[in-house]
Each structure stands twice: as C-alpha cells, then as structure tokens.
Protein backbone atom coordinates (compact mmCIF):
# COMPACT_ATOMS: atom_id res chain seq x y z
CA MET A 1 0.00 0.00 0.00
CA ARG A 2 2.92 2.38 0.73
CA THR A 3 4.33 1.73 -2.75
CA LEU A 4 0.92 2.47 -4.24
CA HIS A 5 0.77 5.79 -2.43
CA LEU A 6 4.30 6.69 -3.57
CA LEU A 7 3.46 5.95 -7.19
CA ALA A 8 0.28 7.95 -6.93
CA MET A 9 2.19 10.95 -5.59
CA LEU A 10 4.78 10.59 -8.36
CA ALA A 11 2.02 10.55 -10.94
CA LEU A 12 0.55 13.68 -9.37
CA ALA A 13 3.93 15.41 -9.60
CA GLY A 14 4.34 14.40 -13.25
CA PHE A 15 7.24 11.96 -12.81
CA LEU A 16 5.34 9.03 -14.28
CA PRO A 17 4.32 9.01 -17.93
CA SER A 18 0.69 9.50 -18.75
CA GLY A 19 -1.10 6.53 -20.21
CA VAL A 20 1.00 3.99 -18.31
CA ALA A 21 -2.06 1.88 -17.61
CA ARG A 22 -5.48 1.34 -19.04
CA ALA A 23 -8.39 1.30 -16.63
CA GLU A 24 -10.20 -1.94 -17.21
CA ALA A 25 -13.76 -2.00 -15.85
CA LEU A 26 -13.05 1.15 -13.87
CA GLU A 27 -16.30 2.67 -12.58
CA THR A 28 -16.51 6.40 -13.26
CA THR A 29 -18.86 9.34 -12.90
CA GLU A 30 -18.96 12.84 -14.36
CA ALA A 31 -18.35 16.02 -12.42
CA SER A 32 -21.52 18.05 -12.80
CA TYR A 33 -23.43 21.00 -11.44
CA ARG A 34 -26.26 20.06 -9.13
CA GLU A 35 -28.76 21.82 -6.94
CA VAL A 36 -27.50 21.02 -3.46
CA ASP A 37 -27.96 22.29 0.07
CA VAL A 38 -25.64 25.08 1.12
CA THR A 39 -24.47 24.09 4.57
CA TYR A 40 -22.75 25.66 7.51
CA ALA A 41 -20.55 23.13 9.31
CA THR A 42 -19.40 23.34 12.90
CA GLU A 43 -17.99 20.99 15.50
CA ALA A 44 -20.37 19.32 17.92
CA VAL A 45 -20.53 16.68 20.61
CA VAL A 46 -23.01 13.89 21.31
CA GLU A 47 -24.94 13.96 24.57
CA ALA A 48 -27.74 11.89 26.06
CA THR A 49 -31.18 13.43 26.38
CA ARG A 50 -31.75 11.24 29.42
CA GLN A 51 -28.66 10.84 31.59
CA SER A 52 -28.68 10.71 35.36
CA THR A 53 -26.63 9.79 38.39
CA ILE A 54 -28.43 7.58 40.89
CA SER A 55 -27.55 8.41 44.49
CA ALA A 56 -28.25 6.73 47.79
CA GLN A 57 -31.19 8.00 49.84
CA THR A 58 -30.31 6.29 53.11
CA THR A 59 -27.32 5.25 55.20
CA GLY A 60 -25.92 1.73 55.21
CA ARG A 61 -23.31 -0.62 53.84
CA ILE A 62 -23.59 -1.59 50.16
CA VAL A 63 -24.15 -5.35 50.09
CA GLU A 64 -24.93 -5.88 46.39
CA LEU A 65 -24.04 -4.23 43.07
CA ARG A 66 -25.65 -6.02 40.15
CA PHE A 67 -24.32 -3.96 37.23
CA ASP A 68 -21.04 -2.52 36.04
CA VAL A 69 -19.94 -0.06 33.37
CA GLY A 70 -21.29 -0.98 29.94
CA ASP A 71 -24.09 -3.20 31.21
CA ALA A 72 -27.60 -2.72 29.84
CA VAL A 73 -30.28 -2.16 32.47
CA ARG A 74 -34.04 -2.37 32.07
CA GLN A 75 -36.44 -0.05 33.81
CA GLY A 76 -37.39 -1.31 37.28
CA GLU A 77 -34.46 -3.71 37.65
CA VAL A 78 -32.64 -3.75 40.98
CA ILE A 79 -29.19 -2.27 40.48
CA ALA A 80 -27.95 -2.10 44.09
CA ARG A 81 -28.89 -3.09 47.62
CA ILE A 82 -27.97 -1.45 50.92
CA ASP A 83 -27.88 -3.40 54.21
CA PRO A 84 -31.44 -3.06 55.57
CA GLN A 85 -30.94 -4.43 59.12
CA GLN A 86 -30.79 -1.10 60.94
CA LEU A 87 -33.79 0.26 59.07
CA GLU A 88 -35.75 -2.94 59.59
CA GLN A 89 -35.25 -2.58 63.35
CA ALA A 90 -36.38 1.04 63.18
CA LEU A 91 -39.46 -0.04 61.22
CA ALA A 92 -40.27 -2.74 63.78
CA GLY A 93 -40.03 -0.15 66.58
CA SER A 94 -42.35 2.19 64.69
CA VAL A 95 -44.90 -0.57 64.15
CA ALA A 96 -44.86 -1.31 67.90
CA GLN A 97 -45.39 2.38 68.66
CA VAL A 98 -48.39 2.39 66.30
CA ALA A 99 -49.92 -0.53 68.20
CA GLN A 100 -49.29 1.20 71.52
CA ALA A 101 -50.76 4.48 70.32
CA ARG A 102 -53.82 2.71 68.92
CA ALA A 103 -54.46 1.00 72.26
CA ALA A 104 -54.24 4.36 74.02
CA TYR A 105 -56.61 5.84 71.45
CA GLU A 106 -59.18 3.07 71.93
CA ASN A 107 -58.98 3.44 75.71
CA ALA A 108 -59.46 7.22 75.47
CA ARG A 109 -62.42 6.76 73.12
CA VAL A 110 -64.18 4.34 75.45
CA GLU A 111 -63.48 6.60 78.43
CA LEU A 112 -64.92 9.59 76.55
CA GLU A 113 -68.13 7.72 75.69
CA ARG A 114 -68.52 6.65 79.31
CA THR A 115 -67.95 10.18 80.59
CA ARG A 116 -70.47 11.64 78.13
CA GLU A 117 -73.12 9.17 79.32
CA LEU A 118 -72.43 10.06 82.95
CA ALA A 119 -72.54 13.76 82.10
CA ARG A 120 -76.00 13.37 80.55
CA GLN A 121 -77.14 11.79 83.84
CA LYS A 122 -75.52 14.62 85.81
CA PHE A 123 -73.18 12.23 87.65
CA VAL A 124 -69.97 14.06 86.56
CA SER A 125 -69.15 17.71 86.10
CA GLN A 126 -68.55 19.54 82.84
CA ALA A 127 -64.89 19.88 83.78
CA ALA A 128 -64.55 16.09 83.93
CA LEU A 129 -66.11 15.81 80.46
CA ASP A 130 -63.73 18.45 79.08
CA ARG A 131 -60.71 16.56 80.48
CA SER A 132 -61.95 13.33 78.89
CA GLU A 133 -62.40 14.98 75.48
CA ALA A 134 -58.93 16.52 75.69
CA ALA A 135 -57.40 13.14 76.58
CA PHE A 136 -59.17 11.59 73.59
CA ARG A 137 -57.79 14.23 71.19
CA VAL A 138 -54.29 13.73 72.58
CA ALA A 139 -54.55 9.97 72.09
CA GLU A 140 -55.90 10.42 68.55
CA ALA A 141 -53.03 12.76 67.63
CA GLY A 142 -50.53 10.35 69.14
CA TRP A 143 -51.90 7.49 67.02
CA LYS A 144 -51.68 9.55 63.82
CA ALA A 145 -48.12 10.62 64.67
CA ALA A 146 -47.12 6.99 65.24
CA GLN A 147 -48.66 6.01 61.89
CA ALA A 148 -46.73 8.78 60.12
CA SER A 149 -43.51 7.68 61.81
CA ALA A 150 -44.10 4.10 60.72
CA GLY A 151 -44.76 5.24 57.16
CA GLN A 152 -41.51 7.21 57.15
CA ALA A 153 -39.61 4.19 58.48
CA SER A 154 -41.19 1.99 55.79
CA THR A 155 -40.18 4.48 53.08
CA SER A 156 -36.62 4.61 54.41
CA ARG A 157 -36.56 0.82 54.38
CA SER A 158 -37.56 0.84 50.68
CA TYR A 159 -34.56 3.06 49.90
CA THR A 160 -32.25 0.11 50.58
CA THR A 161 -33.33 -1.37 47.24
CA VAL A 162 -32.17 0.88 44.38
CA VAL A 163 -33.97 0.35 41.06
CA ALA A 164 -33.39 1.75 37.57
CA PRO A 165 -35.70 4.69 36.77
CA TYR A 166 -35.53 3.95 33.01
CA SER A 167 -33.89 1.52 30.61
CA GLY A 168 -30.34 2.42 29.64
CA VAL A 169 -26.64 1.66 29.86
CA VAL A 170 -24.35 2.13 32.86
CA SER A 171 -21.64 4.65 32.01
CA ALA A 172 -19.92 5.01 35.40
CA ARG A 173 -19.79 3.26 38.79
CA HIS A 174 -18.89 5.46 41.73
CA VAL A 175 -18.81 2.94 44.60
CA GLU A 176 -17.49 -0.53 45.39
CA LEU A 177 -19.10 -3.44 47.19
CA GLY A 178 -18.82 -3.00 50.96
CA GLU A 179 -18.56 0.80 50.99
CA MET A 180 -20.83 2.89 53.16
CA ALA A 181 -23.66 4.68 51.44
CA ALA A 182 -25.05 7.98 52.66
CA PRO A 183 -27.87 10.21 51.46
CA GLY A 184 -26.72 12.00 48.30
CA LYS A 185 -23.70 9.75 47.65
CA PRO A 186 -23.52 8.82 43.91
CA LEU A 187 -23.79 5.12 43.14
CA LEU A 188 -24.10 4.69 39.36
CA THR A 189 -24.42 6.93 36.29
CA GLY A 190 -26.34 5.82 33.22
CA PHE A 191 -27.93 7.09 30.03
CA ASP A 192 -30.58 6.05 27.54
CA PRO A 193 -28.81 5.12 24.25
CA ALA A 194 -32.09 5.30 22.33
CA ASP A 195 -32.46 9.02 22.96
CA LEU A 196 -29.34 10.93 21.90
CA ARG A 197 -28.73 14.38 20.51
CA VAL A 198 -25.87 16.50 19.23
CA VAL A 199 -25.03 19.89 20.69
CA ALA A 200 -23.21 22.43 18.53
CA VAL A 201 -22.19 26.04 19.09
CA VAL A 202 -23.14 28.50 16.37
CA PRO A 203 -21.98 32.14 16.04
CA GLN A 204 -24.77 34.63 16.59
CA TYR A 205 -24.61 35.93 13.02
CA ARG A 206 -25.43 32.41 11.76
CA VAL A 207 -28.31 31.72 14.16
CA ALA A 208 -31.01 33.29 11.96
CA ALA A 209 -30.02 31.17 8.95
CA VAL A 210 -29.83 28.01 11.04
CA ARG A 211 -33.26 28.67 12.53
CA ALA A 212 -34.76 29.42 9.10
CA GLY A 213 -33.30 26.23 7.57
CA ALA A 214 -34.48 24.06 10.49
CA LYS A 215 -32.61 21.11 8.94
CA ALA A 216 -29.29 19.52 9.74
CA SER A 217 -27.18 16.46 9.00
CA VAL A 218 -24.73 15.05 11.50
CA GLU A 219 -21.39 13.54 10.51
CA ILE A 220 -19.91 11.09 13.01
CA PRO A 221 -16.29 10.45 11.95
CA SER A 222 -15.67 7.67 14.49
CA ILE A 223 -18.12 5.35 12.71
CA GLY A 224 -17.83 6.92 9.26
CA ARG A 225 -21.53 7.66 9.07
CA TRP A 226 -23.89 10.54 8.33
CA VAL A 227 -27.34 10.74 9.90
CA GLU A 228 -30.22 13.13 9.36
CA GLY A 229 -31.30 15.06 12.42
CA ARG A 230 -34.91 14.57 13.53
CA ALA A 231 -35.30 18.11 14.85
CA VAL A 232 -33.24 21.26 15.32
CA THR A 233 -33.67 23.36 18.48
CA VAL A 234 -31.97 26.72 18.91
CA LEU A 235 -31.61 27.43 22.62
CA PRO A 236 -32.87 30.92 23.57
CA SER A 237 -29.60 32.00 25.20
CA ALA A 238 -26.14 33.13 24.17
CA ASP A 239 -22.71 33.26 25.77
CA SER A 240 -21.84 36.87 26.58
CA GLN A 241 -18.09 36.26 26.20
CA THR A 242 -17.84 34.06 23.11
CA HIS A 243 -21.07 35.31 21.46
CA VAL A 244 -22.20 31.84 20.43
CA THR A 245 -25.51 30.05 20.79
CA ARG A 246 -26.01 26.35 21.52
CA VAL A 247 -28.07 24.37 19.03
CA ARG A 248 -29.43 20.87 19.65
CA ILE A 249 -29.99 18.27 16.94
CA ASP A 250 -32.02 15.18 17.86
CA LEU A 251 -30.52 11.98 16.45
CA PRO A 252 -32.54 9.06 15.05
CA ARG A 253 -33.24 6.21 17.44
CA ASP A 254 -31.48 3.61 15.26
CA VAL A 255 -27.97 5.09 15.63
CA ARG A 256 -25.53 2.47 16.89
CA ASP A 257 -22.00 2.71 18.36
CA VAL A 258 -22.63 6.29 19.45
CA TYR A 259 -22.51 7.44 23.06
CA PRO A 260 -22.23 10.71 25.01
CA GLY A 261 -19.01 12.61 24.44
CA VAL A 262 -18.41 11.38 20.87
CA PHE A 263 -17.09 14.04 18.49
CA ALA A 264 -19.37 15.00 15.60
CA ARG A 265 -19.82 17.65 12.94
CA ALA A 266 -23.12 19.40 12.45
CA HIS A 267 -23.99 20.49 8.90
CA PHE A 268 -26.84 23.00 8.97
CA ALA A 269 -28.76 23.63 5.73
CA ILE A 270 -28.91 27.40 5.18
CA GLY A 271 -29.99 27.52 1.51
CA ARG A 272 -29.66 25.86 -1.90
CA GLU A 273 -27.30 26.59 -4.82
CA ARG A 274 -25.96 25.04 -8.03
CA ARG A 275 -22.46 23.77 -7.39
CA LEU A 276 -19.92 21.56 -9.13
CA VAL A 277 -19.84 18.32 -7.17
CA ILE A 278 -18.42 14.81 -7.32
CA PRO A 279 -18.99 11.77 -5.10
CA THR A 280 -17.08 11.96 -1.82
CA ARG A 281 -15.75 8.42 -2.22
CA ALA A 282 -13.89 9.45 -5.38
CA VAL A 283 -11.65 11.84 -3.42
CA LEU A 284 -8.19 10.68 -2.34
CA ARG A 285 -6.69 12.49 0.68
CA ARG A 286 -3.05 12.02 1.60
CA SER A 287 -1.53 14.41 4.10
CA GLU A 288 -2.17 17.89 2.69
CA VAL A 289 -2.94 16.64 -0.83
CA THR A 290 -6.51 16.26 -2.07
CA ALA A 291 -6.82 14.61 -5.46
CA VAL A 292 -8.93 12.45 -7.78
CA TYR A 293 -8.18 10.10 -10.64
CA VAL A 294 -9.45 11.71 -13.83
CA VAL A 295 -10.20 9.23 -16.61
CA GLY A 296 -9.60 10.68 -20.10
CA ALA A 297 -11.12 9.77 -23.44
CA GLU A 298 -8.52 7.03 -23.91
CA GLY A 299 -9.73 5.40 -20.67
CA LEU A 300 -6.53 6.00 -18.70
CA PRO A 301 -6.62 7.30 -15.09
CA ARG A 302 -4.44 10.27 -14.16
CA LEU A 303 -4.06 11.61 -10.66
CA ARG A 304 -4.99 15.27 -10.45
CA GLN A 305 -4.92 17.57 -7.45
CA ILE A 306 -8.14 19.45 -6.69
CA ARG A 307 -9.35 22.05 -4.23
CA ALA A 308 -12.38 20.73 -2.40
CA GLY A 309 -15.08 22.80 -0.77
CA GLU A 310 -17.78 21.96 1.73
CA SER A 311 -19.51 18.59 1.84
CA ALA A 312 -22.85 18.65 0.02
CA GLY A 313 -24.35 15.91 2.12
CA PRO A 314 -23.05 12.45 3.01
CA GLU A 315 -22.26 11.42 -0.58
CA LEU A 316 -21.22 14.58 -2.48
CA ILE A 317 -18.47 17.15 -2.10
CA GLU A 318 -18.03 20.50 -3.84
CA VAL A 319 -15.05 21.02 -6.17
CA LEU A 320 -13.70 24.57 -6.26
CA ALA A 321 -10.82 24.00 -8.68
CA GLY A 322 -9.02 21.24 -10.57
CA ILE A 323 -11.90 19.66 -12.51
CA GLN A 324 -14.16 20.90 -15.27
CA PRO A 325 -17.82 19.93 -15.66
CA GLY A 326 -18.21 16.76 -17.73
CA GLU A 327 -14.81 15.28 -16.85
CA LYS A 328 -14.93 11.71 -15.61
CA VAL A 329 -13.44 10.67 -12.27
CA ALA A 330 -12.84 7.18 -10.94
CA LEU A 331 -15.21 6.26 -8.13
CA ASP A 332 -12.68 3.87 -6.59
CA PRO A 333 -9.35 5.73 -6.19
CA VAL A 334 -7.64 2.65 -4.73
CA LYS A 335 -8.47 0.58 -7.80
CA ALA A 336 -7.39 3.43 -10.08
CA GLY A 337 -4.12 3.76 -8.16
CA MET A 338 -3.49 0.07 -8.57
CA ALA A 339 -3.98 0.46 -12.34
CA VAL A 340 -1.42 3.31 -12.37
CA ALA A 341 1.05 1.23 -10.34
CA ALA A 342 0.63 -1.78 -12.61
CA GLY A 343 1.20 0.38 -15.66
CA ALA A 344 4.32 1.87 -14.11
CA GLN A 345 5.73 -1.59 -13.52
CA GLN A 346 5.02 -2.57 -17.12
CA GLY A 347 6.72 0.60 -18.36
CA ARG A 348 9.94 -0.33 -16.50
CA LYS A 349 10.13 -3.77 -18.12
C-alpha cells in the first residue's frame, strides 16, 4: 500500500508518464453542477437526552451491586442493595409504637363515651367531660403521629433497594461493594442510548439562517456515518463572552456505536445553490494533498490535485478548482491507483 501511495504521488507530480495503464472496468462518474444544500458546518458533541446519576437516599453498607460499566439495564431492575438491618429494626419499633398508640386511642375513646353518658345523667361535672375529650384528642393525635412515623420508616426501608428509573446503559460506577452509602452519595451513572442528541455552538450571526433552515445532518467520523437530524432546536440563550448560541440536533433512534461525548460535525442547511460536485468516495486524501483520478477519453486514469469545498451531504463534495464539468473521475481511487502502479511496472520492463 505504501508503494501504491508513492506511485500515486509521483504521478501527481508528473514523474510518471501518462497513459501507463489502461483502466479496465473502472467505474466512473462525471463532475456536474447540481442543486445542493448550502451548509454551515461546525464541531459538535453527542450527549444523552436522558442521563442521570443515581444516588443513595439512606445510610448503610452496600451489600450488592448487580451492574457494572457498559451493562444494559431495564427499567425497574434492581441495580444495588444497601444493608437493611438497621432500618428494619427502626421499622419494627415504629410498628410497635403504632400498636401502643392505637391501644391508648381506643382506651381514650371508650373513656370519653362513658364520661359523656355520665354527664347526661348529671353524675360528673362539665370539667370532667372536658378533660376526657382533651385526653381523647391527645390519644388520637398520638396514634396519627405513630402512623406517620411508621410510614416514614417503611419508606426509608424501601430506599435500601435501588432500582433503575428507566432503561439504559451504565456509564460510570462510583462505589465498590462493601462501601458505606449515605444520602446523596452517587452510586451509578447511566444514560438512555435510544435518545441521543448532538449539541453544537453557532456564532450569533449564523443563528437566523440556522433557525430558518431548520434542517441539519450530523457527521460522526468515528463510525464513518452521516445521519439526518430529527429536529433542530436553537436554545434561547447566548454566551456573553464568546457570542455563540447552543443548538441541539435530535438523532434518530437507530444510531448504533454512538454514546455521550463522541465528536461529531453538524452540517446545517442554510440555503440551496448550483455547485460543481463529485462523489465523496472518489476523493483521495493524503496528508495535505486532495486529489482524484481523472479518466480521459482514452480510458486511462491520471491523478490530479483538486481544491475541495464543503460537503454537500453524506455522498457529495463540492469542487472549487481542478476539474471541469463533464470530466470523468474514478469512483474507486484505490483501484485506479493500482492500475497506475501496474502500468508503471510494465513501463519499466
């Protein structure tokens, strides 16, 4: 492959004779003017629409961690457990207090009914009836307070079982088995891979055009793929120091091998124009050289340097100089380079 690249660069510099090889079954296409989207490209980063850090809500030793980084979790699954013994004892004490308070309430109720009957028969004074009613209200309040305390203890006991709030993937684990948990201490961080978006920063003078176009494509170099954004949202705020505005692009739900933090390029459609374009796959890039193999009338490929412009979508790229409309270019530069190398070898024999 290194020899092939060297021969291609020599051909570009004119050190190899033209017509050294004939392109057999070489697939070509013509450079032509087309109506394409005029885009504004800027760097962006992928982020999750739903991403959260799950923290402990009670104190205790972590006795179980069911998931690690990279594991898929379904909504409602148990992801961690905290030792419940201390909270179970507190709950048992609260339940006993409820029973005690209820017994006091029932006793006060019966005593109040008895006192009211005696008061109607004039056997007890009004003061005795008032004391009985007050004792009943105190017992009733005590029973309700005990019930509330038991409910709080039961809720605290439920915090020892940590469940996933939604389906997603674990992206970070902040604790180890056996560590002490405390309210607010992070346990795991996860995100929903089915709901991703790209965030780009756009200069203020471009915001109006981006908002008017309301269309964007996202290039993800790490997987060599372009995807069409589902929606474009211009955030109603700007940075006072850099004078840029953040723009969100919702990604399709079928994007794979993409996760928060991945580098991307956002291509916002800001108009349409006729431009000279060729397929992107026909372009050969080596270091600072951008070139294509131009196939002449005799069917021979020749490497020619070009000046490329902006991408006109995932499959086309604008040509600013180096090619004229109607000229044919090889769609497979590797195959064309191999034809040039083979011809060079034949010329030396």
